[in-house]
Amino acid sequence: ETDTEPILRVGMDETVKRSKAEFVMAFAGYSVTVGRGNHLEQSYPFVLEQLLSPILALPPLDIKLVVRNSAIGGIPSFPYGWCLTNFLGDDADLVSWDYGMNEGNGASGLESYVRQSLAMMPKSPP
């Protein structure tokens, strides 16, 4: 499998190639996100990947979707949130936070997680 795909034919044998763009979705959370009780590929991050990948791969988008499920059952958002790049990678375009079931009594955990993800992730908006 190659990450380059022809996008334009020039003459008989000459092909202009472009690297396929990647969109990285990184998921964190508790056992619900892990997919506890199911096979890993049945967890919602990977089901979402199965749904979106064929669509994003179509021209003119030609985007390769990369999904990471870094959820760990029973681990709270903090101190886990201080190590986001270790769990989610430093190249995520989208970070999902799914702690509402266990930490749903206020927005402080969500706010801290969002602030930390924005501070740590190089691709975050300015």
Foldseek 3Di string as FASTA:
>chain_A
DAQKDFDDDDPDPDTDIDGQAEAEEEEEEAPQQCVPPDPSCPRVQNVVCVVCQVVCCDPPNNYHYHYHYQYYHPDALPPVLQPCCVRGNQAHPHYYYDHCVPPVPDCPSVVVSVVSCQVRHPNHDD
